[in-house]
Amino acid sequence: MIRTTLIAVTLMTGATAFAQEATSDAWMNVTSAKSAAEVRAEAVQARLDGSLRVYGVGYIESLRGALTRAEVRAALESARESGEFARLNAEASDPAATVSAPVRLGAHQ
């Protein structure tokens, strides 16, 4: 029993030695050509003149679609009536599921 436990602990600690990050830390030793204040000043200037495009939390550039709102709603209604909408939103565990009647989700129009 003790021998089995000892072997298990040895194998577990040996395996964790290989679970290190593969990224090199060499970038930490690089000397920057600019100071932090210079980088901040450039970022502020880029925000002011509009050349800094930020795609993060809270900012998404507006997208223009090829269809009008009415065309999209008509396509959605057609998909609901044909049962395609229900099949697309069915559980993935039952790909052979069929829907006998159109499903209306929500009353928004």
N, C-alpha and C. Protein backbone atom coordinates (compact mmCIF):
# COMPACT_ATOMS: atom_id res chain seq x y z
N MET A 1 0.82 -1.19 0.00
CA MET A 1 0.00 0.00 0.00
C MET A 1 0.87 1.26 0.00
N ILE A 2 1.87 1.30 0.85
CA ILE A 2 2.76 2.46 0.93
C ILE A 2 3.56 2.58 -0.36
N ARG A 3 3.96 1.42 -0.88
CA ARG A 3 4.74 1.45 -2.11
C ARG A 3 3.91 2.01 -3.28
N THR A 4 2.64 1.61 -3.37
CA THR A 4 1.75 2.10 -4.41
C THR A 4 1.55 3.61 -4.29
N THR A 5 1.35 4.06 -3.06
CA THR A 5 1.17 5.50 -2.82
C THR A 5 2.42 6.26 -3.20
N LEU A 6 3.57 5.74 -2.83
CA LEU A 6 4.84 6.38 -3.15
C LEU A 6 5.05 6.46 -4.66
N ILE A 7 4.71 5.41 -5.37
CA ILE A 7 4.85 5.41 -6.83
C ILE A 7 3.90 6.43 -7.45
N ALA A 8 2.67 6.47 -6.96
CA ALA A 8 1.68 7.42 -7.48
C ALA A 8 2.12 8.86 -7.26
N VAL A 9 2.62 9.16 -6.08
CA VAL A 9 3.08 10.52 -5.77
C VAL A 9 4.28 10.87 -6.64
N THR A 10 5.18 9.94 -6.83
CA THR A 10 6.36 10.18 -7.67
C THR A 10 5.95 10.47 -9.11
N LEU A 11 5.02 9.69 -9.63
CA LEU A 11 4.55 9.91 -11.00
C LEU A 11 3.84 11.25 -11.14
N MET A 12 3.03 11.62 -10.16
CA MET A 12 2.29 12.88 -10.23
C MET A 12 3.23 14.08 -10.16
N THR A 13 4.21 14.04 -9.30
CA THR A 13 5.14 15.16 -9.19
C THR A 13 6.06 15.22 -10.40
N GLY A 14 6.36 14.11 -10.98
CA GLY A 14 7.19 14.08 -12.17
C GLY A 14 6.45 14.64 -13.37
N ALA A 15 5.17 14.38 -13.46
CA ALA A 15 4.37 14.86 -14.59
C ALA A 15 4.16 16.37 -14.52
N THR A 16 4.12 16.93 -13.33
CA THR A 16 3.89 18.37 -13.22
C THR A 16 5.10 19.17 -13.68
N ALA A 17 6.26 18.57 -13.70
CA ALA A 17 7.45 19.28 -14.16
C ALA A 17 7.35 19.61 -15.64
N PHE A 18 6.56 18.84 -16.39
CA PHE A 18 6.39 19.07 -17.81
C PHE A 18 5.25 20.02 -18.12
N ALA A 19 4.50 20.43 -17.11
CA ALA A 19 3.34 21.28 -17.33
C ALA A 19 3.68 22.75 -17.21
N GLN A 20 4.82 23.14 -17.72
CA GLN A 20 5.23 24.54 -17.68
C GLN A 20 4.82 25.23 -18.96
N GLU A 21 4.75 26.54 -18.92
CA GLU A 21 4.38 27.30 -20.09
C GLU A 21 5.49 27.22 -21.13
N ALA A 22 5.09 27.11 -22.39
CA ALA A 22 6.06 26.96 -23.47
C ALA A 22 6.58 28.30 -23.97
N THR A 23 6.00 29.41 -23.51
CA THR A 23 6.42 30.72 -23.97
C THR A 23 7.75 31.12 -23.33
N SER A 24 8.61 31.65 -24.13
CA SER A 24 9.91 32.09 -23.64
C SER A 24 9.78 33.37 -22.83
N ASP A 25 10.61 33.54 -21.83
CA ASP A 25 10.63 34.76 -21.03
C ASP A 25 11.70 35.73 -21.52
N ALA A 26 12.25 35.48 -22.70
CA ALA A 26 13.32 36.31 -23.21
C ALA A 26 12.87 37.75 -23.44
N TRP A 27 11.59 37.96 -23.72
CA TRP A 27 11.10 39.32 -23.97
C TRP A 27 11.22 40.21 -22.74
N MET A 28 11.30 39.60 -21.56
CA MET A 28 11.41 40.38 -20.33
C MET A 28 12.77 41.07 -20.20
N ASN A 29 13.76 40.58 -20.92
CA ASN A 29 15.11 41.13 -20.83
C ASN A 29 15.39 42.19 -21.89
N VAL A 30 14.40 42.52 -22.72
CA VAL A 30 14.58 43.50 -23.80
C VAL A 30 14.44 44.90 -23.24
N THR A 31 15.33 45.78 -23.63
CA THR A 31 15.26 47.17 -23.21
C THR A 31 14.39 47.93 -24.19
N SER A 32 13.42 48.67 -23.69
CA SER A 32 12.51 49.42 -24.53
C SER A 32 13.18 50.65 -25.11
N ALA A 33 12.78 51.02 -26.32
CA ALA A 33 13.34 52.21 -26.97
C ALA A 33 12.61 53.46 -26.50
N LYS A 34 11.39 53.29 -25.92
CA LYS A 34 10.60 54.43 -25.46
C LYS A 34 10.25 54.27 -24.00
N SER A 35 10.05 55.38 -23.35
CA SER A 35 9.64 55.32 -21.94
C SER A 35 8.14 55.08 -21.88
N ALA A 36 7.65 54.70 -20.71
CA ALA A 36 6.22 54.48 -20.52
C ALA A 36 5.44 55.76 -20.76
N ALA A 37 6.00 56.90 -20.37
CA ALA A 37 5.32 58.18 -20.57
C ALA A 37 5.19 58.49 -22.06
N GLU A 38 6.21 58.17 -22.85
CA GLU A 38 6.15 58.40 -24.30
C GLU A 38 5.08 57.52 -24.95
N VAL A 39 5.00 56.29 -24.52
CA VAL A 39 4.00 55.37 -25.06
C VAL A 39 2.60 55.85 -24.71
N ARG A 40 2.39 56.27 -23.45
CA ARG A 40 1.08 56.80 -23.04
C ARG A 40 0.71 58.04 -23.85
N ALA A 41 1.66 58.94 -24.05
CA ALA A 41 1.40 60.16 -24.82
C ALA A 41 1.02 59.83 -26.26
N GLU A 42 1.69 58.86 -26.87
CA GLU A 42 1.35 58.44 -28.22
C GLU A 42 -0.05 57.84 -28.27
N ALA A 43 -0.42 57.06 -27.25
CA ALA A 43 -1.75 56.46 -27.21
C ALA A 43 -2.83 57.52 -27.09
N VAL A 44 -2.59 58.52 -26.24
CA VAL A 44 -3.55 59.61 -26.08
C VAL A 44 -3.71 60.37 -27.40
N GLN A 45 -2.61 60.66 -28.06
CA GLN A 45 -2.66 61.37 -29.34
C GLN A 45 -3.40 60.55 -30.39
N ALA A 46 -3.16 59.25 -30.44
CA ALA A 46 -3.84 58.39 -31.42
C ALA A 46 -5.34 58.34 -31.15
N ARG A 47 -5.74 58.33 -29.88
CA ARG A 47 -7.17 58.37 -29.56
C ARG A 47 -7.80 59.68 -30.02
N LEU A 48 -7.08 60.78 -29.80
CA LEU A 48 -7.60 62.10 -30.17
C LEU A 48 -7.74 62.27 -31.68
N ASP A 49 -6.77 61.77 -32.44
CA ASP A 49 -6.85 61.96 -33.89
C ASP A 49 -7.60 60.84 -34.61
N GLY A 50 -8.06 59.83 -33.85
CA GLY A 50 -8.88 58.77 -34.43
C GLY A 50 -8.12 57.65 -35.09
N SER A 51 -6.80 57.65 -35.00
CA SER A 51 -6.02 56.59 -35.64
C SER A 51 -5.92 55.32 -34.81
N LEU A 52 -6.34 55.37 -33.56
CA LEU A 52 -6.31 54.19 -32.69
C LEU A 52 -7.67 53.50 -32.76
N ARG A 53 -7.70 52.33 -33.34
CA ARG A 53 -8.94 51.57 -33.45
C ARG A 53 -8.98 50.57 -32.30
N VAL A 54 -9.92 50.72 -31.41
CA VAL A 54 -10.02 49.87 -30.24
C VAL A 54 -11.17 48.90 -30.43
N TYR A 55 -10.86 47.62 -30.40
CA TYR A 55 -11.88 46.58 -30.48
C TYR A 55 -11.84 45.79 -29.19
N GLY A 56 -12.48 46.30 -28.19
CA GLY A 56 -12.48 45.63 -26.90
C GLY A 56 -13.86 45.72 -26.29
N VAL A 57 -13.91 45.48 -25.01
CA VAL A 57 -15.17 45.51 -24.29
C VAL A 57 -15.77 46.91 -24.38
N GLY A 58 -17.02 46.98 -24.76
CA GLY A 58 -17.71 48.25 -24.81
C GLY A 58 -17.60 49.00 -26.13
N TYR A 59 -16.83 48.50 -27.08
CA TYR A 59 -16.69 49.19 -28.36
C TYR A 59 -16.74 48.18 -29.48
N ILE A 60 -17.73 48.32 -30.32
CA ILE A 60 -17.82 47.49 -31.52
C ILE A 60 -18.20 48.42 -32.67
N GLU A 61 -17.42 48.39 -33.69
CA GLU A 61 -17.71 49.24 -34.85
C GLU A 61 -19.00 48.76 -35.49
N SER A 62 -19.86 49.69 -35.90
CA SER A 62 -21.14 49.31 -36.47
C SER A 62 -20.94 48.59 -37.79
N LEU A 63 -21.76 47.58 -38.01
CA LEU A 63 -21.68 46.77 -39.22
C LEU A 63 -22.88 47.08 -40.11
N ARG A 64 -22.67 47.08 -41.38
CA ARG A 64 -23.74 47.32 -42.33
C ARG A 64 -24.03 46.02 -43.07
N GLY A 65 -25.29 45.59 -43.01
CA GLY A 65 -25.68 44.37 -43.70
C GLY A 65 -26.18 44.68 -45.10
N ALA A 66 -26.30 43.64 -45.92
CA ALA A 66 -26.77 43.80 -47.28
C ALA A 66 -28.29 43.81 -47.35
N LEU A 67 -28.95 43.27 -46.32
CA LEU A 67 -30.41 43.19 -46.31
C LEU A 67 -31.01 44.29 -45.44
N THR A 68 -32.22 44.68 -45.80
CA THR A 68 -32.93 45.65 -44.98
C THR A 68 -33.53 44.92 -43.78
N ARG A 69 -33.98 45.69 -42.81
CA ARG A 69 -34.62 45.10 -41.63
C ARG A 69 -35.85 44.29 -42.02
N ALA A 70 -36.63 44.80 -42.96
CA ALA A 70 -37.84 44.10 -43.41
C ALA A 70 -37.48 42.77 -44.08
N GLU A 71 -36.41 42.74 -44.87
CA GLU A 71 -35.99 41.50 -45.53
C GLU A 71 -35.52 40.46 -44.50
N VAL A 72 -34.81 40.91 -43.49
CA VAL A 72 -34.34 40.00 -42.44
C VAL A 72 -35.54 39.42 -41.69
N ARG A 73 -36.50 40.27 -41.35
CA ARG A 73 -37.69 39.79 -40.63
C ARG A 73 -38.50 38.82 -41.49
N ALA A 74 -38.60 39.08 -42.80
CA ALA A 74 -39.31 38.17 -43.69
C ALA A 74 -38.61 36.82 -43.77
N ALA A 75 -37.27 36.84 -43.82
CA ALA A 75 -36.51 35.58 -43.85
C ALA A 75 -36.68 34.82 -42.55
N LEU A 76 -36.71 35.52 -41.43
CA LEU A 76 -36.92 34.87 -40.14
C LEU A 76 -38.31 34.23 -40.07
N GLU A 77 -39.31 34.96 -40.52
CA GLU A 77 -40.67 34.42 -40.51
C GLU A 77 -40.78 33.20 -41.41
N SER A 78 -40.13 33.25 -42.56
CA SER A 78 -40.13 32.11 -43.48
C SER A 78 -39.46 30.89 -42.83
N ALA A 79 -38.35 31.12 -42.12
CA ALA A 79 -37.66 30.03 -41.44
C ALA A 79 -38.51 29.45 -40.32
N ARG A 80 -39.24 30.31 -39.62
CA ARG A 80 -40.14 29.81 -38.57
C ARG A 80 -41.26 28.96 -39.16
N GLU A 81 -41.84 29.44 -40.26
CA GLU A 81 -42.96 28.71 -40.88
C GLU A 81 -42.53 27.38 -41.47
N SER A 82 -41.33 27.30 -42.01
CA SER A 82 -40.85 26.06 -42.62
C SER A 82 -40.31 25.08 -41.58
N GLY A 83 -40.10 25.55 -40.35
CA GLY A 83 -39.55 24.68 -39.31
C GLY A 83 -38.04 24.71 -39.24
N GLU A 84 -37.40 25.43 -40.18
CA GLU A 84 -35.94 25.51 -40.20
C GLU A 84 -35.40 26.17 -38.94
N PHE A 85 -36.07 27.20 -38.47
CA PHE A 85 -35.64 27.92 -37.26
C PHE A 85 -35.63 26.97 -36.06
N ALA A 86 -36.68 26.18 -35.92
CA ALA A 86 -36.76 25.24 -34.80
C ALA A 86 -35.69 24.16 -34.90
N ARG A 87 -35.43 23.69 -36.13
CA ARG A 87 -34.39 22.66 -36.29
C ARG A 87 -33.01 23.22 -35.97
N LEU A 88 -32.75 24.47 -36.38
CA LEU A 88 -31.46 25.08 -36.09
C LEU A 88 -31.25 25.29 -34.60
N ASN A 89 -32.33 25.50 -33.87
CA ASN A 89 -32.23 25.76 -32.44
C ASN A 89 -32.56 24.53 -31.60
N ALA A 90 -32.64 23.36 -32.21
CA ALA A 90 -32.94 22.12 -31.49
C ALA A 90 -31.68 21.66 -30.74
N GLU A 91 -31.87 20.73 -29.86
CA GLU A 91 -30.75 20.17 -29.10
C GLU A 91 -29.79 19.45 -30.04
N ALA A 92 -28.52 19.62 -29.81
CA ALA A 92 -27.51 19.01 -30.66
C ALA A 92 -27.44 17.50 -30.47
N SER A 93 -27.96 17.00 -29.36
CA SER A 93 -27.86 15.57 -29.09
C SER A 93 -28.85 14.76 -29.92
N ASP A 94 -29.80 15.41 -30.60
CA ASP A 94 -30.78 14.70 -31.40
C ASP A 94 -30.85 15.31 -32.80
N PRO A 95 -29.87 15.04 -33.66
CA PRO A 95 -29.84 15.67 -34.98
C PRO A 95 -30.97 15.21 -35.89
N ALA A 96 -31.60 14.09 -35.58
CA ALA A 96 -32.68 13.58 -36.42
C ALA A 96 -34.04 14.12 -35.98
N ALA A 97 -34.07 14.99 -35.00
CA ALA A 97 -35.34 15.52 -34.51
C ALA A 97 -36.02 16.34 -35.59
N THR A 98 -37.30 16.15 -35.70
CA THR A 98 -38.09 16.92 -36.65
C THR A 98 -39.13 17.70 -35.87
N VAL A 99 -39.53 18.79 -36.43
CA VAL A 99 -40.53 19.63 -35.79
C VAL A 99 -41.78 19.57 -36.66
N SER A 100 -42.88 19.18 -36.04
CA SER A 100 -44.11 19.00 -36.83
C SER A 100 -44.83 20.31 -37.10
N ALA A 101 -44.67 21.31 -36.23
CA ALA A 101 -45.36 22.58 -36.43
C ALA A 101 -44.37 23.71 -36.23
N PRO A 102 -44.60 24.84 -36.92
CA PRO A 102 -43.71 25.98 -36.72
C PRO A 102 -43.72 26.44 -35.27
N VAL A 103 -42.57 26.89 -34.82
CA VAL A 103 -42.44 27.33 -33.43
C VAL A 103 -42.26 28.84 -33.43
N ARG A 104 -43.10 29.56 -32.68
CA ARG A 104 -42.98 31.01 -32.54
C ARG A 104 -42.32 31.31 -31.21
N LEU A 105 -41.18 31.94 -31.25
CA LEU A 105 -40.49 32.31 -30.03
C LEU A 105 -40.61 33.81 -29.83
N GLY A 106 -41.33 34.22 -28.82
CA GLY A 106 -41.47 35.65 -28.54
C GLY A 106 -42.52 36.29 -29.42
N ALA A 107 -42.97 37.45 -29.00
CA ALA A 107 -44.01 38.15 -29.74
C ALA A 107 -43.48 39.40 -30.41
N HIS A 108 -42.16 39.53 -30.57
CA HIS A 108 -41.56 40.72 -31.15
C HIS A 108 -41.72 40.70 -32.65
N GLN A 109 -42.13 41.82 -33.20
CA GLN A 109 -42.22 41.93 -34.67
C GLN A 109 -41.81 43.28 -35.12
